[in-house]
Amino acid sequence: MFVEQGYSLAGVLRMATLGNAEILQLDDTLGSIAPGKLADIVLVEGNPLETLDALRQIRHVLKGGEVVAAASE
């Protein structure tokens, strides 16, 4: 919906991650990948900067730096 309104894919991803962490005042530990921050990451097939549909193709989910889910090969 945001892309249809003219937002860039990078802007949409930022809103969904760091932007929300900033709203919740949790950006010191969440919302981006940086030393000292919690490592909760979703690895996807494809590049979400090219198409947000890549986010539907989850390969691995990491929580606290550990793989907690992996797609069946």
PDB file of N, CA and C in Angstrom:
ATOM      1  N   MET A   1       0.819  -1.180   0.000  1.00  0.00           N
ATOM      2  CA  MET A   1       0.000   0.000   0.000  1.00  0.00           C
ATOM      3  C   MET A   1       0.879   1.266   0.000  1.00  0.00           C
ATOM      4  N   PHE A   2       1.933   1.256   0.802  1.00  0.00           N
ATOM      5  CA  PHE A   2       2.815   2.427   0.844  1.00  0.00           C
ATOM      6  C   PHE A   2       3.527   2.626  -0.494  1.00  0.00           C
ATOM      7  N   VAL A   3       3.946   1.522  -1.123  1.00  0.00           N
ATOM      8  CA  VAL A   3       4.619   1.620  -2.415  1.00  0.00           C
ATOM      9  C   VAL A   3       3.664   2.223  -3.443  1.00  0.00           C
ATOM     10  N   GLU A   4       2.400   1.812  -3.393  1.00  0.00           N
ATOM     11  CA  GLU A   4       1.401   2.367  -4.307  1.00  0.00           C
ATOM     12  C   GLU A   4       1.223   3.873  -4.101  1.00  0.00           C
ATOM     13  N   GLN A   5       1.530   4.354  -2.905  1.00  0.00           N
ATOM     14  CA  GLN A   5       1.422   5.780  -2.608  1.00  0.00           C
ATOM     15  C   GLN A   5       2.709   6.543  -2.909  1.00  0.00           C
ATOM     16  N   GLY A   6       3.711   5.835  -3.453  1.00  0.00           N
ATOM     17  CA  GLY A   6       4.925   6.508  -3.887  1.00  0.00           C
ATOM     18  C   GLY A   6       6.148   6.327  -3.003  1.00  0.00           C
ATOM     19  N   TYR A   7       6.023   5.587  -1.909  1.00  0.00           N
ATOM     20  CA  TYR A   7       7.191   5.343  -1.067  1.00  0.00           C
ATOM     21  C   TYR A   7       8.132   4.359  -1.760  1.00  0.00           C
ATOM     22  N   SER A   8       9.425   4.513  -1.536  1.00  0.00           N
ATOM     23  CA  SER A   8      10.405   3.571  -2.074  1.00  0.00           C
ATOM     24  C   SER A   8      10.363   2.282  -1.262  1.00  0.00           C
ATOM     25  N   LEU A   9      10.856   1.207  -1.861  1.00  0.00           N
ATOM     26  CA  LEU A   9      10.915  -0.059  -1.125  1.00  0.00           C
ATOM     27  C   LEU A   9      11.815   0.078   0.103  1.00  0.00           C
ATOM     28  N   ALA A  10      12.924   0.774  -0.046  1.00  0.00           N
ATOM     29  CA  ALA A  10      13.822   0.994   1.090  1.00  0.00           C
ATOM     30  C   ALA A  10      13.109   1.780   2.182  1.00  0.00           C
ATOM     31  N   GLY A  11      12.320   2.763   1.804  1.00  0.00           N
ATOM     32  CA  GLY A  11      11.576   3.554   2.784  1.00  0.00           C
ATOM     33  C   GLY A  11      10.546   2.723   3.531  1.00  0.00           C
ATOM     34  N   VAL A  12       9.875   1.835   2.816  1.00  0.00           N
ATOM     35  CA  VAL A  12       8.881   0.965   3.444  1.00  0.00           C
ATOM     36  C   VAL A  12       9.559   0.024   4.436  1.00  0.00           C
ATOM     37  N   LEU A  13      10.687  -0.561   4.032  1.00  0.00           N
ATOM     38  CA  LEU A  13      11.418  -1.459   4.941  1.00  0.00           C
ATOM     39  C   LEU A  13      11.927  -0.710   6.165  1.00  0.00           C
ATOM     40  N   ARG A  14      12.375   0.511   5.973  1.00  0.00           N
ATOM     41  CA  ARG A  14      12.837   1.315   7.105  1.00  0.00           C
ATOM     42  C   ARG A  14      11.690   1.598   8.063  1.00  0.00           C
ATOM     43  N   MET A  15      10.523   1.960   7.524  1.00  0.00           N
ATOM     44  CA  MET A  15       9.361   2.214   8.388  1.00  0.00           C
ATOM     45  C   MET A  15       9.014   0.985   9.209  1.00  0.00           C
ATOM     46  N   ALA A  16       9.091  -0.189   8.574  1.00  0.00           N
ATOM     47  CA  ALA A  16       8.703  -1.430   9.236  1.00  0.00           C
ATOM     48  C   ALA A  16       9.715  -1.892  10.284  1.00  0.00           C
ATOM     49  N   THR A  17      10.929  -1.398  10.206  1.00  0.00           N
ATOM     50  CA  THR A  17      11.979  -1.852  11.120  1.00  0.00           C
ATOM     51  C   THR A  17      12.406  -0.721  12.053  1.00  0.00           C
ATOM     52  N   LEU A  18      13.354   0.071  11.624  1.00  0.00           N
ATOM     53  CA  LEU A  18      13.885   1.141  12.465  1.00  0.00           C
ATOM     54  C   LEU A  18      12.831   2.197  12.791  1.00  0.00           C
ATOM     55  N   GLY A  19      11.971   2.495  11.842  1.00  0.00           N
ATOM     56  CA  GLY A  19      10.934   3.500  12.093  1.00  0.00           C
ATOM     57  C   GLY A  19      10.034   3.127  13.258  1.00  0.00           C
ATOM     58  N   ASN A  20       9.586   1.865  13.282  1.00  0.00           N
ATOM     59  CA  ASN A  20       8.736   1.425  14.388  1.00  0.00           C
ATOM     60  C   ASN A  20       9.516   1.343  15.693  1.00  0.00           C
ATOM     61  N   ALA A  21      10.774   0.930  15.626  1.00  0.00           N
ATOM     62  CA  ALA A  21      11.600   0.902  16.831  1.00  0.00           C
ATOM     63  C   ALA A  21      11.754   2.309  17.408  1.00  0.00           C
ATOM     64  N   GLU A  22      11.896   3.303  16.533  1.00  0.00           N
ATOM     65  CA  GLU A  22      12.001   4.692  16.995  1.00  0.00           C
ATOM     66  C   GLU A  22      10.699   5.153  17.649  1.00  0.00           C
ATOM     67  N   ILE A  23       9.571   4.821  17.042  1.00  0.00           N
ATOM     68  CA  ILE A  23       8.274   5.197  17.615  1.00  0.00           C
ATOM     69  C   ILE A  23       8.126   4.611  19.020  1.00  0.00           C
ATOM     70  N   LEU A  24       8.557   3.371  19.187  1.00  0.00           N
ATOM     71  CA  LEU A  24       8.462   2.688  20.482  1.00  0.00           C
ATOM     72  C   LEU A  24       9.607   3.045  21.426  1.00  0.00           C
ATOM     73  N   GLN A  25      10.503   3.913  20.972  1.00  0.00           N
ATOM     74  CA  GLN A  25      11.694   4.312  21.723  1.00  0.00           C
ATOM     75  C   GLN A  25      12.550   3.109  22.122  1.00  0.00           C
ATOM     76  N   LEU A  26      12.667   2.162  21.171  1.00  0.00           N
ATOM     77  CA  LEU A  26      13.484   0.972  21.376  1.00  0.00           C
ATOM     78  C   LEU A  26      14.622   0.887  20.358  1.00  0.00           C
ATOM     79  N   ASP A  27      14.877   1.984  19.652  1.00  0.00           N
ATOM     80  CA  ASP A  27      15.872   1.965  18.587  1.00  0.00           C
ATOM     81  C   ASP A  27      17.304   1.820  19.095  1.00  0.00           C
ATOM     82  N   ASP A  28      17.509   1.907  20.409  1.00  0.00           N
ATOM     83  CA  ASP A  28      18.855   1.655  20.933  1.00  0.00           C
ATOM     84  C   ASP A  28      19.181   0.165  20.922  1.00  0.00           C
ATOM     85  N   THR A  29      18.152  -0.703  20.857  1.00  0.00           N
ATOM     86  CA  THR A  29      18.392  -2.148  20.839  1.00  0.00           C
ATOM     87  C   THR A  29      17.712  -2.872  19.679  1.00  0.00           C
ATOM     88  N   LEU A  30      16.792  -2.222  18.982  1.00  0.00           N
ATOM     89  CA  LEU A  30      16.028  -2.869  17.911  1.00  0.00           C
ATOM     90  C   LEU A  30      16.020  -2.024  16.648  1.00  0.00           C
ATOM     91  N   GLY A  31      15.607  -2.646  15.551  1.00  0.00           N
ATOM     92  CA  GLY A  31      15.292  -1.901  14.345  1.00  0.00           C
ATOM     93  C   GLY A  31      16.353  -1.833  13.279  1.00  0.00           C
ATOM     94  N   SER A  32      17.587  -2.163  13.615  1.00  0.00           N
ATOM     95  CA  SER A  32      18.657  -2.162  12.615  1.00  0.00           C
ATOM     96  C   SER A  32      19.724  -3.155  13.054  1.00  0.00           C
ATOM     97  N   ILE A  33      20.595  -3.475  12.124  1.00  0.00           N
ATOM     98  CA  ILE A  33      21.680  -4.412  12.411  1.00  0.00           C
ATOM     99  C   ILE A  33      22.913  -3.593  12.768  1.00  0.00           C
ATOM    100  N   ALA A  34      23.318  -3.695  14.035  1.00  0.00           N
ATOM    101  CA  ALA A  34      24.480  -2.950  14.517  1.00  0.00           C
ATOM    102  C   ALA A  34      25.017  -3.624  15.773  1.00  0.00           C
ATOM    103  N   PRO A  35      26.300  -3.434  16.063  1.00  0.00           N
ATOM    104  CA  PRO A  35      26.868  -4.013  17.285  1.00  0.00           C
ATOM    105  C   PRO A  35      26.065  -3.586  18.514  1.00  0.00           C
ATOM    106  N   GLY A  36      25.798  -4.554  19.390  1.00  0.00           N
ATOM    107  CA  GLY A  36      25.087  -4.280  20.626  1.00  0.00           C
ATOM    108  C   GLY A  36      23.574  -4.359  20.523  1.00  0.00           C
ATOM    109  N   LYS A  37      23.053  -4.479  19.307  1.00  0.00           N
ATOM    110  CA  LYS A  37      21.607  -4.590  19.134  1.00  0.00           C
ATOM    111  C   LYS A  37      21.205  -6.053  19.088  1.00  0.00           C
ATOM    112  N   LEU A  38      19.929  -6.321  19.408  1.00  0.00           N
ATOM    113  CA  LEU A  38      19.422  -7.682  19.353  1.00  0.00           C
ATOM    114  C   LEU A  38      19.415  -8.160  17.904  1.00  0.00           C
ATOM    115  N   ALA A  39      19.828  -9.395  17.694  1.00  0.00           N
ATOM    116  CA  ALA A  39      19.970  -9.927  16.336  1.00  0.00           C
ATOM    117  C   ALA A  39      18.763 -10.795  15.976  1.00  0.00           C
ATOM    118  N   ASP A  40      17.633 -10.173  15.727  1.00  0.00           N
ATOM    119  CA  ASP A  40      16.467 -10.872  15.215  1.00  0.00           C
ATOM    120  C   ASP A  40      16.356 -10.516  13.742  1.00  0.00           C
ATOM    121  N   ILE A  41      16.581 -11.506  12.881  1.00  0.00           N
ATOM    122  CA  ILE A  41      16.710 -11.255  11.449  1.00  0.00           C
ATOM    123  C   ILE A  41      15.934 -12.306  10.675  1.00  0.00           C
ATOM    124  N   VAL A  42      15.308 -11.893   9.586  1.00  0.00           N
ATOM    125  CA  VAL A  42      14.648 -12.810   8.659  1.00  0.00           C
ATOM    126  C   VAL A  42      15.448 -12.791   7.363  1.00  0.00           C
ATOM    127  N   LEU A  43      15.923 -13.961   6.951  1.00  0.00           N
ATOM    128  CA  LEU A  43      16.642 -14.090   5.685  1.00  0.00           C
ATOM    129  C   LEU A  43      15.655 -14.569   4.638  1.00  0.00           C
ATOM    130  N   VAL A  44      15.619 -13.884   3.514  1.00  0.00           N
ATOM    131  CA  VAL A  44      14.637 -14.206   2.486  1.00  0.00           C
ATOM    132  C   VAL A  44      15.326 -14.572   1.176  1.00  0.00           C
ATOM    133  N   GLU A  45      14.571 -15.241   0.319  1.00  0.00           N
ATOM    134  CA  GLU A  45      15.025 -15.551  -1.035  1.00  0.00           C
ATOM    135  C   GLU A  45      14.718 -14.337  -1.896  1.00  0.00           C
ATOM    136  N   GLY A  46      15.721 -13.748  -2.490  1.00  0.00           N
ATOM    137  CA  GLY A  46      15.498 -12.575  -3.306  1.00  0.00           C
ATOM    138  C   GLY A  46      15.866 -11.301  -2.568  1.00  0.00           C
ATOM    139  N   ASN A  47      15.638 -10.192  -3.227  1.00  0.00           N
ATOM    140  CA  ASN A  47      16.033  -8.898  -2.697  1.00  0.00           C
ATOM    141  C   ASN A  47      14.794  -8.045  -2.438  1.00  0.00           C
ATOM    142  N   PRO A  48      14.448  -7.778  -1.171  1.00  0.00           N
ATOM    143  CA  PRO A  48      13.255  -6.968  -0.888  1.00  0.00           C
ATOM    144  C   PRO A  48      13.388  -5.519  -1.351  1.00  0.00           C
ATOM    145  N   LEU A  49      14.593  -5.096  -1.722  1.00  0.00           N
ATOM    146  CA  LEU A  49      14.750  -3.761  -2.294  1.00  0.00           C
ATOM    147  C   LEU A  49      14.341  -3.736  -3.771  1.00  0.00           C
ATOM    148  N   GLU A  50      14.140  -4.927  -4.344  1.00  0.00           N
ATOM    149  CA  GLU A  50      13.648  -5.037  -5.718  1.00  0.00           C
ATOM    150  C   GLU A  50      12.157  -5.346  -5.748  1.00  0.00           C
ATOM    151  N   THR A  51      11.701  -6.177  -4.812  1.00  0.00           N
ATOM    152  CA  THR A  51      10.279  -6.521  -4.699  1.00  0.00           C
ATOM    153  C   THR A  51       9.979  -6.960  -3.275  1.00  0.00           C
ATOM    154  N   LEU A  52       8.918  -6.416  -2.699  1.00  0.00           N
ATOM    155  CA  LEU A  52       8.534  -6.808  -1.345  1.00  0.00           C
ATOM    156  C   LEU A  52       8.023  -8.248  -1.301  1.00  0.00           C
ATOM    157  N   ASP A  53       7.689  -8.813  -2.453  1.00  0.00           N
ATOM    158  CA  ASP A  53       7.273 -10.217  -2.498  1.00  0.00           C
ATOM    159  C   ASP A  53       8.384 -11.139  -2.008  1.00  0.00           C
ATOM    160  N   ALA A  54       9.627 -10.679  -2.048  1.00  0.00           N
ATOM    161  CA  ALA A  54      10.738 -11.479  -1.523  1.00  0.00           C
ATOM    162  C   ALA A  54      10.514 -11.799  -0.045  1.00  0.00           C
ATOM    163  N   LEU A  55       9.791 -10.945   0.662  1.00  0.00           N
ATOM    164  CA  LEU A  55       9.531 -11.173   2.091  1.00  0.00           C
ATOM    165  C   LEU A  55       8.583 -12.348   2.328  1.00  0.00           C
ATOM    166  N   ARG A  56       7.941 -12.817   1.282  1.00  0.00           N
ATOM    167  CA  ARG A  56       7.068 -13.991   1.391  1.00  0.00           C
ATOM    168  C   ARG A  56       7.855 -15.292   1.236  1.00  0.00           C
ATOM    169  N   GLN A  57       9.123 -15.193   0.867  1.00  0.00           N
ATOM    170  CA  GLN A  57       9.962 -16.365   0.627  1.00  0.00           C
ATOM    171  C   GLN A  57      11.024 -16.465   1.717  1.00  0.00           C
ATOM    172  N   ILE A  58      10.601 -16.755   2.918  1.00  0.00           N
ATOM    173  CA  ILE A  58      11.498 -16.807   4.078  1.00  0.00           C
ATOM    174  C   ILE A  58      12.352 -18.067   4.028  1.00  0.00           C
ATOM    175  N   ARG A  59      13.653 -17.878   4.166  1.00  0.00           N
ATOM    176  CA  ARG A  59      14.604 -19.002   4.169  1.00  0.00           C
ATOM    177  C   ARG A  59      15.014 -19.380   5.587  1.00  0.00           C
ATOM    178  N   HIS A  60      15.312 -18.383   6.423  1.00  0.00           N
ATOM    179  CA  HIS A  60      15.730 -18.628   7.804  1.00  0.00           C
ATOM    180  C   HIS A  60      15.211 -17.500   8.687  1.00  0.00           C
ATOM    181  N   VAL A  61      14.954 -17.838   9.946  1.00  0.00           N
ATOM    182  CA  VAL A  61      14.613 -16.837  10.951  1.00  0.00           C
ATOM    183  C   VAL A  61      15.641 -16.974  12.065  1.00  0.00           C
ATOM    184  N   LEU A  62      16.295 -15.858  12.396  1.00  0.00           N
ATOM    185  CA  LEU A  62      17.270 -15.848  13.482  1.00  0.00           C
ATOM    186  C   LEU A  62      16.729 -14.987  14.616  1.00  0.00           C
ATOM    187  N   LYS A  63      16.823 -15.495  15.825  1.00  0.00           N
ATOM    188  CA  LYS A  63      16.425 -14.742  17.016  1.00  0.00           C
ATOM    189  C   LYS A  63      17.597 -14.787  17.977  1.00  0.00           C
ATOM    190  N   GLY A  64      18.039 -13.633  18.380  1.00  0.00           N
ATOM    191  CA  GLY A  64      19.209 -13.576  19.255  1.00  0.00           C
ATOM    192  C   GLY A  64      20.448 -14.157  18.599  1.00  0.00           C
ATOM    193  N   GLY A  65      20.498 -14.115  17.266  1.00  0.00           N
ATOM    194  CA  GLY A  65      21.655 -14.623  16.545  1.00  0.00           C
ATOM    195  C   GLY A  65      21.626 -16.122  16.287  1.00  0.00           C
ATOM    196  N   GLU A  66      20.572 -16.823  16.730  1.00  0.00           N
ATOM    197  CA  GLU A  66      20.451 -18.265  16.544  1.00  0.00           C
ATOM    198  C   GLU A  66      19.336 -18.581  15.557  1.00  0.00           C
ATOM    199  N   VAL A  67      19.561 -19.567  14.674  1.00  0.00           N
ATOM    200  CA  VAL A  67      18.509 -19.969  13.738  1.00  0.00           C
ATOM    201  C   VAL A  67      17.402 -20.674  14.522  1.00  0.00           C
ATOM    202  N   VAL A  68      16.180 -20.140  14.416  1.00  0.00           N
ATOM    203  CA  VAL A  68      15.032 -20.750  15.101  1.00  0.00           C
ATOM    204  C   VAL A  68      14.060 -21.387  14.111  1.00  0.00           C
ATOM    205  N   ALA A  69      14.198 -21.078  12.832  1.00  0.00           N
ATOM    206  CA  ALA A  69      13.362 -21.687  11.801  1.00  0.00           C
ATOM    207  C   ALA A  69      14.120 -21.649  10.475  1.00  0.00           C
ATOM    208  N   ALA A  70      13.952 -22.698   9.711  1.00  0.00           N
ATOM    209  CA  ALA A  70      14.575 -22.753   8.390  1.00  0.00           C
ATOM    210  C   ALA A  70      13.590 -23.371   7.417  1.00  0.00           C
ATOM    211  N   ALA A  71      13.590 -22.873   6.205  1.00  0.00           N
ATOM    212  CA  ALA A  71      12.713 -23.420   5.169  1.00  0.00           C
ATOM    213  C   ALA A  71      13.197 -24.815   4.773  1.00  0.00           C
ATOM    214  N   SER A  72      12.274 -25.667   4.435  1.00  0.00           N
ATOM    215  CA  SER A  72      12.628 -26.990   3.926  1.00  0.00           C
ATOM    216  C   SER A  72      13.243 -26.836   2.548  1.00  0.00           C
ATOM    217  N   GLU A  73      14.302 -27.497   2.307  1.00  0.00           N
ATOM    218  CA  GLU A  73      14.975 -27.424   1.001  1.00  0.00           C
ATOM    219  C   GLU A  73      14.311 -28.370   0.036  1.00  0.00           C
TER     220      GLU A  73
END
